[in-house]
């Protein structure tokens, strides 16, 4: 899967997810750090990448309706430190059928994963 990591996601996931067979780039590596959310979103969609973020601006399922984009994973942890984020995202990618998430709106919390698919 082609993935884009938002700037609020640890960059070390680039190599971790890469070892799992994914093609990963980051908002920072593309010179998009600090840019507005619509610019980040458009860049992810233009390059057909699944976006991973913690940014609640991406939480509106009506705006980011399944089937209208490449896919979105919103990570919501109680204590979202860099190590906790890295562990949770790595665990999710090692244990779930990520390929089936293309075009989906996905929310991952400490204990649950909710996948919304196109209706």
PDB file of N, CA and C in Angstrom:
ATOM      1  N   UNK A   1       0.830  -1.173   0.000  1.00  0.00           N
ATOM      2  CA  UNK A   1       0.000   0.000   0.000  1.00  0.00           C
ATOM      3  C   UNK A   1       0.878   1.241   0.000  1.00  0.00           C
ATOM      4  N   UNK A   2       0.444   2.265  -0.685  1.00  0.00           N
ATOM      5  CA  UNK A   2       1.134   3.553  -0.680  1.00  0.00           C
ATOM      6  C   UNK A   2       0.557   4.391   0.454  1.00  0.00           C
ATOM      7  N   UNK A   3       1.445   4.868   1.334  1.00  0.00           N
ATOM      8  CA  UNK A   3       1.036   5.544   2.557  1.00  0.00           C
ATOM      9  C   UNK A   3       1.719   6.898   2.668  1.00  0.00           C
ATOM     10  N   UNK A   4       0.981   7.863   3.242  1.00  0.00           N
ATOM     11  CA  UNK A   4       1.565   9.148   3.605  1.00  0.00           C
ATOM     12  C   UNK A   4       1.361   9.338   5.098  1.00  0.00           C
ATOM     13  N   UNK A   5       2.444   9.644   5.819  1.00  0.00           N
ATOM     14  CA  UNK A   5       2.380   9.923   7.243  1.00  0.00           C
ATOM     15  C   UNK A   5       2.276  11.424   7.450  1.00  0.00           C
ATOM     16  N   UNK A   6       1.255  11.843   8.188  1.00  0.00           N
ATOM     17  CA  UNK A   6       1.119  13.251   8.526  1.00  0.00           C
ATOM     18  C   UNK A   6       2.263  13.638   9.459  1.00  0.00           C
ATOM     19  N   UNK A   7       2.479  14.925   9.640  1.00  0.00           N
ATOM     20  CA  UNK A   7       3.609  15.366  10.445  1.00  0.00           C
ATOM     21  C   UNK A   7       3.452  15.040  11.930  1.00  0.00           C
ATOM     22  N   UNK A   8       2.250  14.673  12.379  1.00  0.00           N
ATOM     23  CA  UNK A   8       2.034  14.326  13.782  1.00  0.00           C
ATOM     24  C   UNK A   8       2.182  12.820  14.047  1.00  0.00           C
ATOM     25  N   UNK A   9       2.684  12.102  13.071  1.00  0.00           N
ATOM     26  CA  UNK A   9       2.936  10.663  13.184  1.00  0.00           C
ATOM     27  C   UNK A   9       4.460  10.457  13.147  1.00  0.00           C
ATOM     28  N   UNK A  10       5.014   9.640  14.044  1.00  0.00           N
ATOM     29  CA  UNK A  10       6.473   9.463  14.086  1.00  0.00           C
ATOM     30  C   UNK A  10       7.061   9.004  12.746  1.00  0.00           C
ATOM     31  N   UNK A  11       8.076   9.719  12.299  1.00  0.00           N
ATOM     32  CA  UNK A  11       8.719   9.415  11.009  1.00  0.00           C
ATOM     33  C   UNK A  11       9.391   8.049  11.008  1.00  0.00           C
ATOM     34  N   UNK A  12       9.757   7.519  12.189  1.00  0.00           N
ATOM     35  CA  UNK A  12      10.404   6.206  12.218  1.00  0.00           C
ATOM     36  C   UNK A  12       9.482   5.107  11.705  1.00  0.00           C
ATOM     37  N   UNK A  13       8.178   5.393  11.618  1.00  0.00           N
ATOM     38  CA  UNK A  13       7.251   4.422  11.029  1.00  0.00           C
ATOM     39  C   UNK A  13       7.507   4.231   9.541  1.00  0.00           C
ATOM     40  N   UNK A  14       8.209   5.157   8.917  1.00  0.00           N
ATOM     41  CA  UNK A  14       8.538   5.016   7.496  1.00  0.00           C
ATOM     42  C   UNK A  14       9.288   3.708   7.266  1.00  0.00           C
ATOM     43  N   UNK A  15      10.316   3.464   8.047  1.00  0.00           N
ATOM     44  CA  UNK A  15      11.096   2.234   7.854  1.00  0.00           C
ATOM     45  C   UNK A  15      10.347   1.006   8.378  1.00  0.00           C
ATOM     46  N   UNK A  16       9.620   1.152   9.472  1.00  0.00           N
ATOM     47  CA  UNK A  16       8.864   0.021  10.030  1.00  0.00           C
ATOM     48  C   UNK A  16       7.820  -0.460   9.031  1.00  0.00           C
ATOM     49  N   UNK A  17       7.037   0.463   8.498  1.00  0.00           N
ATOM     50  CA  UNK A  17       6.007   0.086   7.530  1.00  0.00           C
ATOM     51  C   UNK A  17       6.623  -0.333   6.199  1.00  0.00           C
ATOM     52  N   UNK A  18       7.758   0.257   5.868  1.00  0.00           N
ATOM     53  CA  UNK A  18       8.473  -0.146   4.659  1.00  0.00           C
ATOM     54  C   UNK A  18       8.904  -1.603   4.719  1.00  0.00           C
ATOM     55  N   UNK A  19       9.367  -2.042   5.882  1.00  0.00           N
ATOM     56  CA  UNK A  19       9.772  -3.443   6.064  1.00  0.00           C
ATOM     57  C   UNK A  19       8.587  -4.395   5.967  1.00  0.00           C
ATOM     58  N   UNK A  20       7.386  -3.859   6.173  1.00  0.00           N
ATOM     59  CA  UNK A  20       6.174  -4.670   6.038  1.00  0.00           C
ATOM     60  C   UNK A  20       5.649  -4.661   4.600  1.00  0.00           C
ATOM     61  N   UNK A  21       6.412  -4.018   3.709  1.00  0.00           N
ATOM     62  CA  UNK A  21       6.070  -4.042   2.289  1.00  0.00           C
ATOM     63  C   UNK A  21       5.303  -2.841   1.763  1.00  0.00           C
ATOM     64  N   UNK A  22       5.205  -1.796   2.556  1.00  0.00           N
ATOM     65  CA  UNK A  22       4.467  -0.613   2.129  1.00  0.00           C
ATOM     66  C   UNK A  22       5.418   0.454   1.597  1.00  0.00           C
ATOM     67  N   UNK A  23       4.923   1.268   0.708  1.00  0.00           N
ATOM     68  CA  UNK A  23       5.681   2.411   0.172  1.00  0.00           C
ATOM     69  C   UNK A  23       5.237   3.637   0.946  1.00  0.00           C
ATOM     70  N   UNK A  24       6.143   4.199   1.751  1.00  0.00           N
ATOM     71  CA  UNK A  24       5.771   5.250   2.697  1.00  0.00           C
ATOM     72  C   UNK A  24       6.539   6.532   2.424  1.00  0.00           C
ATOM     73  N   UNK A  25       5.798   7.648   2.456  1.00  0.00           N
ATOM     74  CA  UNK A  25       6.449   8.951   2.469  1.00  0.00           C
ATOM     75  C   UNK A  25       5.831   9.782   3.583  1.00  0.00           C
ATOM     76  N   UNK A  26       6.431  10.922   3.859  1.00  0.00           N
ATOM     77  CA  UNK A  26       5.959  11.759   4.960  1.00  0.00           C
ATOM     78  C   UNK A  26       5.654  13.164   4.465  1.00  0.00           C
ATOM     79  N   UNK A  27       4.792  13.822   5.200  1.00  0.00           N
ATOM     80  CA  UNK A  27       4.466  15.214   4.905  1.00  0.00           C
ATOM     81  C   UNK A  27       5.747  16.050   4.976  1.00  0.00           C
ATOM     82  N   UNK A  28       6.564  15.789   5.983  1.00  0.00           N
ATOM     83  CA  UNK A  28       7.806  16.551   6.159  1.00  0.00           C
ATOM     84  C   UNK A  28       8.770  16.348   4.991  1.00  0.00           C
ATOM     85  N   UNK A  29       8.931  15.103   4.538  1.00  0.00           N
ATOM     86  CA  UNK A  29       9.881  14.831   3.455  1.00  0.00           C
ATOM     87  C   UNK A  29       9.459  15.480   2.141  1.00  0.00           C
ATOM     88  N   UNK A  30       8.181  15.778   2.006  1.00  0.00           N
ATOM     89  CA  UNK A  30       7.680  16.440   0.793  1.00  0.00           C
ATOM     90  C   UNK A  30       7.641  17.957   0.935  1.00  0.00           C
ATOM     91  N   UNK A  31       8.150  18.478   2.055  1.00  0.00           N
ATOM     92  CA  UNK A  31       8.144  19.920   2.265  1.00  0.00           C
ATOM     93  C   UNK A  31       6.764  20.478   2.580  1.00  0.00           C
ATOM     94  N   UNK A  32       5.881  19.630   3.123  1.00  0.00           N
ATOM     95  CA  UNK A  32       4.516  20.072   3.422  1.00  0.00           C
ATOM     96  C   UNK A  32       4.279  20.327   4.914  1.00  0.00           C
ATOM     97  N   UNK A  33       5.320  20.198   5.735  1.00  0.00           N
ATOM     98  CA  UNK A  33       5.161  20.432   7.172  1.00  0.00           C
ATOM     99  C   UNK A  33       4.668  21.848   7.402  1.00  0.00           C
ATOM    100  N   UNK A  34       3.669  21.968   8.269  1.00  0.00           N
ATOM    101  CA  UNK A  34       3.121  23.284   8.584  1.00  0.00           C
ATOM    102  C   UNK A  34       2.078  23.774   7.604  1.00  0.00           C
ATOM    103  N   UNK A  35       1.885  23.047   6.523  1.00  0.00           N
ATOM    104  CA  UNK A  35       0.875  23.459   5.534  1.00  0.00           C
ATOM    105  C   UNK A  35      -0.512  23.104   6.043  1.00  0.00           C
ATOM    106  N   UNK A  36      -1.522  23.737   5.472  1.00  0.00           N
ATOM    107  CA  UNK A  36      -2.884  23.496   5.925  1.00  0.00           C
ATOM    108  C   UNK A  36      -3.343  22.086   5.543  1.00  0.00           C
ATOM    109  N   UNK A  37      -4.378  21.633   6.236  1.00  0.00           N
ATOM    110  CA  UNK A  37      -4.874  20.263   6.057  1.00  0.00           C
ATOM    111  C   UNK A  37      -5.319  19.977   4.635  1.00  0.00           C
ATOM    112  N   UNK A  38      -5.932  20.951   3.979  1.00  0.00           N
ATOM    113  CA  UNK A  38      -6.400  20.689   2.613  1.00  0.00           C
ATOM    114  C   UNK A  38      -5.233  20.444   1.662  1.00  0.00           C
ATOM    115  N   UNK A  39      -4.107  21.108   1.879  1.00  0.00           N
ATOM    116  CA  UNK A  39      -2.922  20.894   1.053  1.00  0.00           C
ATOM    117  C   UNK A  39      -2.368  19.491   1.277  1.00  0.00           C
ATOM    118  N   UNK A  40      -2.312  19.072   2.548  1.00  0.00           N
ATOM    119  CA  UNK A  40      -1.829  17.727   2.885  1.00  0.00           C
ATOM    120  C   UNK A  40      -2.760  16.683   2.264  1.00  0.00           C
ATOM    121  N   UNK A  41      -4.064  16.884   2.417  1.00  0.00           N
ATOM    122  CA  UNK A  41      -5.053  15.945   1.880  1.00  0.00           C
ATOM    123  C   UNK A  41      -4.934  15.840   0.363  1.00  0.00           C
ATOM    124  N   UNK A  42      -4.854  16.973  -0.310  1.00  0.00           N
ATOM    125  CA  UNK A  42      -4.740  16.972  -1.773  1.00  0.00           C
ATOM    126  C   UNK A  42      -3.469  16.269  -2.230  1.00  0.00           C
ATOM    127  N   UNK A  43      -2.367  16.474  -1.513  1.00  0.00           N
ATOM    128  CA  UNK A  43      -1.111  15.802  -1.873  1.00  0.00           C
ATOM    129  C   UNK A  43      -1.246  14.292  -1.715  1.00  0.00           C
ATOM    130  N   UNK A  44      -1.897  13.847  -0.645  1.00  0.00           N
ATOM    131  CA  UNK A  44      -2.098  12.413  -0.446  1.00  0.00           C
ATOM    132  C   UNK A  44      -2.963  11.825  -1.553  1.00  0.00           C
ATOM    133  N   UNK A  45      -4.002  12.529  -1.917  1.00  0.00           N
ATOM    134  CA  UNK A  45      -4.911  12.017  -2.943  1.00  0.00           C
ATOM    135  C   UNK A  45      -4.283  12.057  -4.338  1.00  0.00           C
ATOM    136  N   UNK A  46      -3.547  13.108  -4.614  1.00  0.00           N
ATOM    137  CA  UNK A  46      -2.890  13.245  -5.924  1.00  0.00           C
ATOM    138  C   UNK A  46      -1.898  12.101  -6.167  1.00  0.00           C
ATOM    139  N   UNK A  47      -1.232  11.671  -5.097  1.00  0.00           N
ATOM    140  CA  UNK A  47      -0.246  10.589  -5.220  1.00  0.00           C
ATOM    141  C   UNK A  47      -0.844   9.234  -4.848  1.00  0.00           C
ATOM    142  N   UNK A  48      -2.166   9.212  -4.629  1.00  0.00           N
ATOM    143  CA  UNK A  48      -2.924   7.992  -4.345  1.00  0.00           C
ATOM    144  C   UNK A  48      -2.393   7.267  -3.114  1.00  0.00           C
ATOM    145  N   UNK A  49      -2.241   8.039  -2.043  1.00  0.00           N
ATOM    146  CA  UNK A  49      -1.705   7.491  -0.796  1.00  0.00           C
ATOM    147  C   UNK A  49      -2.750   7.482   0.314  1.00  0.00           C
ATOM    148  N   UNK A  50      -2.685   6.455   1.124  1.00  0.00           N
ATOM    149  CA  UNK A  50      -3.493   6.278   2.323  1.00  0.00           C
ATOM    150  C   UNK A  50      -2.883   7.164   3.396  1.00  0.00           C
ATOM    151  N   UNK A  51      -3.648   8.092   3.959  1.00  0.00           N
ATOM    152  CA  UNK A  51      -3.124   9.050   4.934  1.00  0.00           C
ATOM    153  C   UNK A  51      -3.304   8.532   6.357  1.00  0.00           C
ATOM    154  N   UNK A  52      -2.224   8.612   7.143  1.00  0.00           N
ATOM    155  CA  UNK A  52      -2.279   8.280   8.568  1.00  0.00           C
ATOM    156  C   UNK A  52      -2.037   9.567   9.346  1.00  0.00           C
ATOM    157  N   UNK A  53      -2.959   9.892  10.259  1.00  0.00           N
ATOM    158  CA  UNK A  53      -2.887  11.151  10.992  1.00  0.00           C
ATOM    159  C   UNK A  53      -3.510  11.017  12.375  1.00  0.00           C
ATOM    160  N   UNK A  54      -3.229  11.996  13.227  1.00  0.00           N
ATOM    161  CA  UNK A  54      -3.913  12.161  14.509  1.00  0.00           C
ATOM    162  C   UNK A  54      -4.799  13.401  14.476  1.00  0.00           C
ATOM    163  N   UNK A  55      -4.744  14.141  13.418  1.00  0.00           N
ATOM    164  CA  UNK A  55      -5.392  15.442  13.313  1.00  0.00           C
ATOM    165  C   UNK A  55      -6.912  15.304  13.280  1.00  0.00           C
ATOM    166  N   UNK A  56      -7.573  15.849  14.295  1.00  0.00           N
ATOM    167  CA  UNK A  56      -9.026  15.755  14.376  1.00  0.00           C
ATOM    168  C   UNK A  56      -9.744  16.511  13.261  1.00  0.00           C
ATOM    169  N   UNK A  57      -9.040  17.374  12.554  1.00  0.00           N
ATOM    170  CA  UNK A  57      -9.652  18.031  11.398  1.00  0.00           C
ATOM    171  C   UNK A  57     -10.036  17.019  10.323  1.00  0.00           C
ATOM    172  N   UNK A  58      -9.469  15.826  10.393  1.00  0.00           N
ATOM    173  CA  UNK A  58      -9.801  14.760   9.440  1.00  0.00           C
ATOM    174  C   UNK A  58     -10.857  13.791   9.996  1.00  0.00           C
ATOM    175  N   UNK A  59     -11.505  14.149  11.099  1.00  0.00           N
ATOM    176  CA  UNK A  59     -12.431  13.223  11.756  1.00  0.00           C
ATOM    177  C   UNK A  59     -13.859  13.252  11.218  1.00  0.00           C
ATOM    178  N   UNK A  60     -14.175  14.169  10.335  1.00  0.00           N
ATOM    179  CA  UNK A  60     -15.543  14.282   9.815  1.00  0.00           C
ATOM    180  C   UNK A  60     -15.775  13.252   8.706  1.00  0.00           C
ATOM    181  N   UNK A  61     -16.469  12.176   9.048  1.00  0.00           N
ATOM    182  CA  UNK A  61     -16.693  11.088   8.093  1.00  0.00           C
ATOM    183  C   UNK A  61     -17.551  11.550   6.906  1.00  0.00           C
ATOM    184  N   UNK A  62     -18.330  12.605   7.083  1.00  0.00           N
ATOM    185  CA  UNK A  62     -19.114  13.127   5.950  1.00  0.00           C
ATOM    186  C   UNK A  62     -18.191  13.793   4.937  1.00  0.00           C
ATOM    187  N   UNK A  63     -17.221  14.527   5.431  1.00  0.00           N
ATOM    188  CA  UNK A  63     -16.276  15.205   4.532  1.00  0.00           C
ATOM    189  C   UNK A  63     -15.305  14.215   3.886  1.00  0.00           C
ATOM    190  N   UNK A  64     -14.917  13.205   4.653  1.00  0.00           N
ATOM    191  CA  UNK A  64     -13.964  12.199   4.172  1.00  0.00           C
ATOM    192  C   UNK A  64     -14.687  10.860   4.022  1.00  0.00           C
ATOM    193  N   UNK A  65     -15.781  10.903   3.299  1.00  0.00           N
ATOM    194  CA  UNK A  65     -16.649   9.730   3.139  1.00  0.00           C
ATOM    195  C   UNK A  65     -15.916   8.582   2.454  1.00  0.00           C
ATOM    196  N   UNK A  66     -16.099   7.375   2.978  1.00  0.00           N
ATOM    197  CA  UNK A  66     -15.473   6.197   2.360  1.00  0.00           C
ATOM    198  C   UNK A  66     -15.843   6.084   0.882  1.00  0.00           C
ATOM    199  N   UNK A  67     -14.864   5.678   0.089  1.00  0.00           N
ATOM    200  CA  UNK A  67     -15.076   5.505  -1.338  1.00  0.00           C
ATOM    201  C   UNK A  67     -14.780   6.740  -2.157  1.00  0.00           C
ATOM    202  N   UNK A  68     -14.526   7.855  -1.486  1.00  0.00           N
ATOM    203  CA  UNK A  68     -14.238   9.103  -2.197  1.00  0.00           C
ATOM    204  C   UNK A  68     -12.780   9.517  -2.083  1.00  0.00           C
ATOM    205  N   UNK A  69     -11.947   8.622  -1.575  1.00  0.00           N
ATOM    206  CA  UNK A  69     -10.527   8.925  -1.396  1.00  0.00           C
ATOM    207  C   UNK A  69      -9.743   7.617  -1.329  1.00  0.00           C
ATOM    208  N   UNK A  70      -8.446   7.720  -1.167  1.00  0.00           N
ATOM    209  CA  UNK A  70      -7.563   6.547  -1.131  1.00  0.00           C
ATOM    210  C   UNK A  70      -7.586   5.823   0.207  1.00  0.00           C
ATOM    211  N   UNK A  71      -8.037   6.496   1.237  1.00  0.00           N
ATOM    212  CA  UNK A  71      -8.104   5.889   2.562  1.00  0.00           C
ATOM    213  C   UNK A  71      -7.500   6.804   3.605  1.00  0.00           C
ATOM    214  N   UNK A  72      -8.013   6.662   4.826  1.00  0.00           N
ATOM    215  CA  UNK A  72      -7.615   7.531   5.921  1.00  0.00           C
ATOM    216  C   UNK A  72      -7.641   6.735   7.216  1.00  0.00           C
ATOM    217  N   UNK A  73      -6.535   6.787   7.967  1.00  0.00           N
ATOM    218  CA  UNK A  73      -6.461   6.190   9.294  1.00  0.00           C
ATOM    219  C   UNK A  73      -6.261   7.318  10.289  1.00  0.00           C
ATOM    220  N   UNK A  74      -7.254   7.515  11.151  1.00  0.00           N
ATOM    221  CA  UNK A  74      -7.190   8.500  12.215  1.00  0.00           C
ATOM    222  C   UNK A  74      -6.849   7.751  13.497  1.00  0.00           C
ATOM    223  N   UNK A  75      -5.723   8.088  14.102  1.00  0.00           N
ATOM    224  CA  UNK A  75      -5.262   7.409  15.310  1.00  0.00           C
ATOM    225  C   UNK A  75      -5.589   8.277  16.517  1.00  0.00           C
ATOM    226  N   UNK A  76      -6.345   7.706  17.465  1.00  0.00           N
ATOM    227  CA  UNK A  76      -6.786   8.426  18.658  1.00  0.00           C
ATOM    228  C   UNK A  76      -6.420   7.620  19.902  1.00  0.00           C
ATOM    229  N   UNK A  77      -5.294   7.962  20.512  1.00  0.00           N
ATOM    230  CA  UNK A  77      -4.832   7.265  21.712  1.00  0.00           C
ATOM    231  C   UNK A  77      -5.010   8.151  22.938  1.00  0.00           C
ATOM    232  N   UNK A  78      -5.241   7.533  24.104  1.00  0.00           N
ATOM    233  CA  UNK A  78      -5.365   8.289  25.351  1.00  0.00           C
ATOM    234  C   UNK A  78      -4.085   9.053  25.648  1.00  0.00           C
ATOM    235  N   UNK A  79      -2.949   8.379  25.513  1.00  0.00           N
ATOM    236  CA  UNK A  79      -1.640   9.002  25.735  1.00  0.00           C
ATOM    237  C   UNK A  79      -0.827   8.858  24.453  1.00  0.00           C
ATOM    238  N   UNK A  80      -0.958   9.824  23.548  1.00  0.00           N
ATOM    239  CA  UNK A  80      -0.368   9.676  22.210  1.00  0.00           C
ATOM    240  C   UNK A  80       1.103  10.081  22.098  1.00  0.00           C
ATOM    241  N   UNK A  81       1.930   9.568  22.990  1.00  0.00           N
ATOM    242  CA  UNK A  81       3.362   9.824  22.855  1.00  0.00           C
ATOM    243  C   UNK A  81       3.914   9.109  21.622  1.00  0.00           C
ATOM    244  N   UNK A  82       5.094   9.496  21.209  1.00  0.00           N
ATOM    245  CA  UNK A  82       5.678   8.948  19.986  1.00  0.00           C
ATOM    246  C   UNK A  82       5.851   7.426  20.060  1.00  0.00           C
ATOM    247  N   UNK A  83       6.285   6.925  21.203  1.00  0.00           N
ATOM    248  CA  UNK A  83       6.469   5.476  21.337  1.00  0.00           C
ATOM    249  C   UNK A  83       5.131   4.743  21.278  1.00  0.00           C
ATOM    250  N   UNK A  84       4.121   5.289  21.963  1.00  0.00           N
ATOM    251  CA  UNK A  84       2.796   4.665  21.948  1.00  0.00           C
ATOM    252  C   UNK A  84       2.206   4.671  20.543  1.00  0.00           C
ATOM    253  N   UNK A  85       2.359   5.785  19.835  1.00  0.00           N
ATOM    254  CA  UNK A  85       1.870   5.863  18.454  1.00  0.00           C
ATOM    255  C   UNK A  85       2.568   4.849  17.565  1.00  0.00           C
ATOM    256  N   UNK A  86       3.878   4.772  17.688  1.00  0.00           N
ATOM    257  CA  UNK A  86       4.651   3.837  16.870  1.00  0.00           C
ATOM    258  C   UNK A  86       4.206   2.404  17.139  1.00  0.00           C
ATOM    259  N   UNK A  87       4.097   2.042  18.412  1.00  0.00           N
ATOM    260  CA  UNK A  87       3.682   0.674  18.767  1.00  0.00           C
ATOM    261  C   UNK A  87       2.286   0.356  18.240  1.00  0.00           C
ATOM    262  N   UNK A  88       1.343   1.288  18.439  1.00  0.00           N
ATOM    263  CA  UNK A  88      -0.039   1.008  18.037  1.00  0.00           C
ATOM    264  C   UNK A  88      -0.163   0.868  16.528  1.00  0.00           C
ATOM    265  N   UNK A  89       0.438   1.770  15.794  1.00  0.00           N
ATOM    266  CA  UNK A  89       0.344   1.712  14.328  1.00  0.00           C
ATOM    267  C   UNK A  89       1.052   0.469  13.802  1.00  0.00           C
ATOM    268  N   UNK A  90       2.217   0.147  14.343  1.00  0.00           N
ATOM    269  CA  UNK A  90       2.921  -1.062  13.919  1.00  0.00           C
ATOM    270  C   UNK A  90       2.067  -2.298  14.193  1.00  0.00           C
ATOM    271  N   UNK A  91       1.482  -2.380  15.372  1.00  0.00           N
ATOM    272  CA  UNK A  91       0.630  -3.523  15.721  1.00  0.00           C
ATOM    273  C   UNK A  91      -0.553  -3.636  14.772  1.00  0.00           C
ATOM    274  N   UNK A  92      -1.185  -2.518  14.481  1.00  0.00           N
ATOM    275  CA  UNK A  92      -2.325  -2.514  13.559  1.00  0.00           C
ATOM    276  C   UNK A  92      -1.903  -3.037  12.188  1.00  0.00           C
ATOM    277  N   UNK A  93      -0.777  -2.559  11.688  1.00  0.00           N
ATOM    278  CA  UNK A  93      -0.326  -2.965  10.357  1.00  0.00           C
ATOM    279  C   UNK A  93       0.157  -4.409  10.312  1.00  0.00           C
ATOM    280  N   UNK A  94       0.588  -4.941  11.442  1.00  0.00           N
ATOM    281  CA  UNK A  94       1.014  -6.338  11.489  1.00  0.00           C
ATOM    282  C   UNK A  94      -0.151  -7.306  11.672  1.00  0.00           C
ATOM    283  N   UNK A  95      -1.260  -6.822  12.228  1.00  0.00           N
ATOM    284  CA  UNK A  95      -2.343  -7.738  12.592  1.00  0.00           C
ATOM    285  C   UNK A  95      -3.626  -7.599  11.768  1.00  0.00           C
ATOM    286  N   UNK A  96      -3.765  -6.541  11.019  1.00  0.00           N
ATOM    287  CA  UNK A  96      -5.010  -6.295  10.284  1.00  0.00           C
ATOM    288  C   UNK A  96      -4.808  -6.457   8.777  1.00  0.00           C
ATOM    289  N   UNK A  97      -5.911  -6.646   8.064  1.00  0.00           N
ATOM    290  CA  UNK A  97      -5.886  -6.726   6.602  1.00  0.00           C
ATOM    291  C   UNK A  97      -5.932  -5.307   6.030  1.00  0.00           C
ATOM    292  N   UNK A  98      -4.798  -4.654   6.071  1.00  0.00           N
ATOM    293  CA  UNK A  98      -4.681  -3.252   5.679  1.00  0.00           C
ATOM    294  C   UNK A  98      -5.092  -3.031   4.224  1.00  0.00           C
ATOM    295  N   UNK A  99      -4.762  -3.960   3.364  1.00  0.00           N
ATOM    296  CA  UNK A  99      -5.101  -3.802   1.939  1.00  0.00           C
ATOM    297  C   UNK A  99      -6.597  -3.622   1.730  1.00  0.00           C
ATOM    298  N   UNK A 100      -7.410  -4.195   2.609  1.00  0.00           N
ATOM    299  CA  UNK A 100      -8.862  -4.060   2.472  1.00  0.00           C
ATOM    300  C   UNK A 100      -9.346  -2.678   2.909  1.00  0.00           C
ATOM    301  N   UNK A 101      -8.453  -1.848   3.449  1.00  0.00           N
ATOM    302  CA  UNK A 101      -8.817  -0.516   3.911  1.00  0.00           C
ATOM    303  C   UNK A 101      -8.711   0.549   2.829  1.00  0.00           C
ATOM    304  N   UNK A 102      -8.332   0.196   1.636  1.00  0.00           N
ATOM    305  CA  UNK A 102      -8.242   1.196   0.567  1.00  0.00           C
ATOM    306  C   UNK A 102      -9.609   1.841   0.380  1.00  0.00           C
ATOM    307  N   UNK A 103      -9.629   3.159   0.422  1.00  0.00           N
ATOM    308  CA  UNK A 103     -10.869   3.901   0.253  1.00  0.00           C
ATOM    309  C   UNK A 103     -11.715   3.997   1.508  1.00  0.00           C
ATOM    310  N   UNK A 104     -11.236   3.461   2.627  1.00  0.00           N
ATOM    311  CA  UNK A 104     -12.025   3.440   3.865  1.00  0.00           C
ATOM    312  C   UNK A 104     -11.634   4.582   4.805  1.00  0.00           C
ATOM    313  N   UNK A 105     -12.532   4.876   5.721  1.00  0.00           N
ATOM    314  CA  UNK A 105     -12.294   5.801   6.820  1.00  0.00           C
ATOM    315  C   UNK A 105     -12.122   4.931   8.062  1.00  0.00           C
ATOM    316  N   UNK A 106     -10.914   4.938   8.643  1.00  0.00           N
ATOM    317  CA  UNK A 106     -10.583   4.029   9.738  1.00  0.00           C
ATOM    318  C   UNK A 106     -10.165   4.838  10.967  1.00  0.00           C
ATOM    319  N   UNK A 107     -10.683   4.445  12.118  1.00  0.00           N
ATOM    320  CA  UNK A 107     -10.283   5.064  13.382  1.00  0.00           C
ATOM    321  C   UNK A 107      -9.703   3.967  14.263  1.00  0.00           C
ATOM    322  N   UNK A 108      -8.487   4.203  14.748  1.00  0.00           N
ATOM    323  CA  UNK A 108      -7.838   3.257  15.663  1.00  0.00           C
ATOM    324  C   UNK A 108      -7.654   3.940  17.008  1.00  0.00           C
ATOM    325  N   UNK A 109      -8.161   3.283  18.052  1.00  0.00           N
ATOM    326  CA  UNK A 109      -7.959   3.758  19.414  1.00  0.00           C
ATOM    327  C   UNK A 109      -7.019   2.782  20.111  1.00  0.00           C
ATOM    328  N   UNK A 110      -6.868   2.948  21.414  1.00  0.00           N
ATOM    329  CA  UNK A 110      -5.990   2.053  22.166  1.00  0.00           C
ATOM    330  C   UNK A 110      -6.424   0.596  22.055  1.00  0.00           C
ATOM    331  N   UNK A 111      -7.727   0.365  21.976  1.00  0.00           N
ATOM    332  CA  UNK A 111      -8.230  -1.006  22.006  1.00  0.00           C
ATOM    333  C   UNK A 111      -9.062  -1.420  20.811  1.00  0.00           C
ATOM    334  N   UNK A 112      -9.549  -0.463  20.041  1.00  0.00           N
ATOM    335  CA  UNK A 112     -10.473  -0.802  18.961  1.00  0.00           C
ATOM    336  C   UNK A 112     -10.032  -0.230  17.627  1.00  0.00           C
ATOM    337  N   UNK A 113     -10.575  -0.842  16.584  1.00  0.00           N
ATOM    338  CA  UNK A 113     -10.409  -0.343  15.230  1.00  0.00           C
ATOM    339  C   UNK A 113     -11.792  -0.312  14.604  1.00  0.00           C
ATOM    340  N   UNK A 114     -12.178   0.832  14.098  1.00  0.00           N
ATOM    341  CA  UNK A 114     -13.478   0.962  13.434  1.00  0.00           C
ATOM    342  C   UNK A 114     -13.212   1.304  11.966  1.00  0.00           C
ATOM    343  N   UNK A 115     -13.722   0.467  11.082  1.00  0.00           N
ATOM    344  CA  UNK A 115     -13.524   0.648   9.643  1.00  0.00           C
ATOM    345  C   UNK A 115     -14.865   0.987   9.007  1.00  0.00           C
ATOM    346  N   UNK A 116     -14.922   2.137   8.377  1.00  0.00           N
ATOM    347  CA  UNK A 116     -16.117   2.518   7.623  1.00  0.00           C
ATOM    348  C   UNK A 116     -15.814   2.362   6.146  1.00  0.00           C
ATOM    349  N   UNK A 117     -16.649   1.576   5.501  1.00  0.00           N
ATOM    350  CA  UNK A 117     -16.478   1.291   4.077  1.00  0.00           C
ATOM    351  C   UNK A 117     -17.550   1.996   3.276  1.00  0.00           C
ATOM    352  N   UNK A 118     -17.320   2.093   1.994  1.00  0.00           N
ATOM    353  CA  UNK A 118     -18.306   2.692   1.100  1.00  0.00           C
ATOM    354  C   UNK A 118     -19.588   1.881   1.188  1.00  0.00           C
ATOM    355  N   UNK A 119     -20.697   2.587   1.260  1.00  0.00           N
ATOM    356  CA  UNK A 119     -22.002   1.898   1.343  1.00  0.00           C
ATOM    357  C   UNK A 119     -22.529   1.592  -0.029  1.00  0.00           C
TER     358      UNK A 119
END
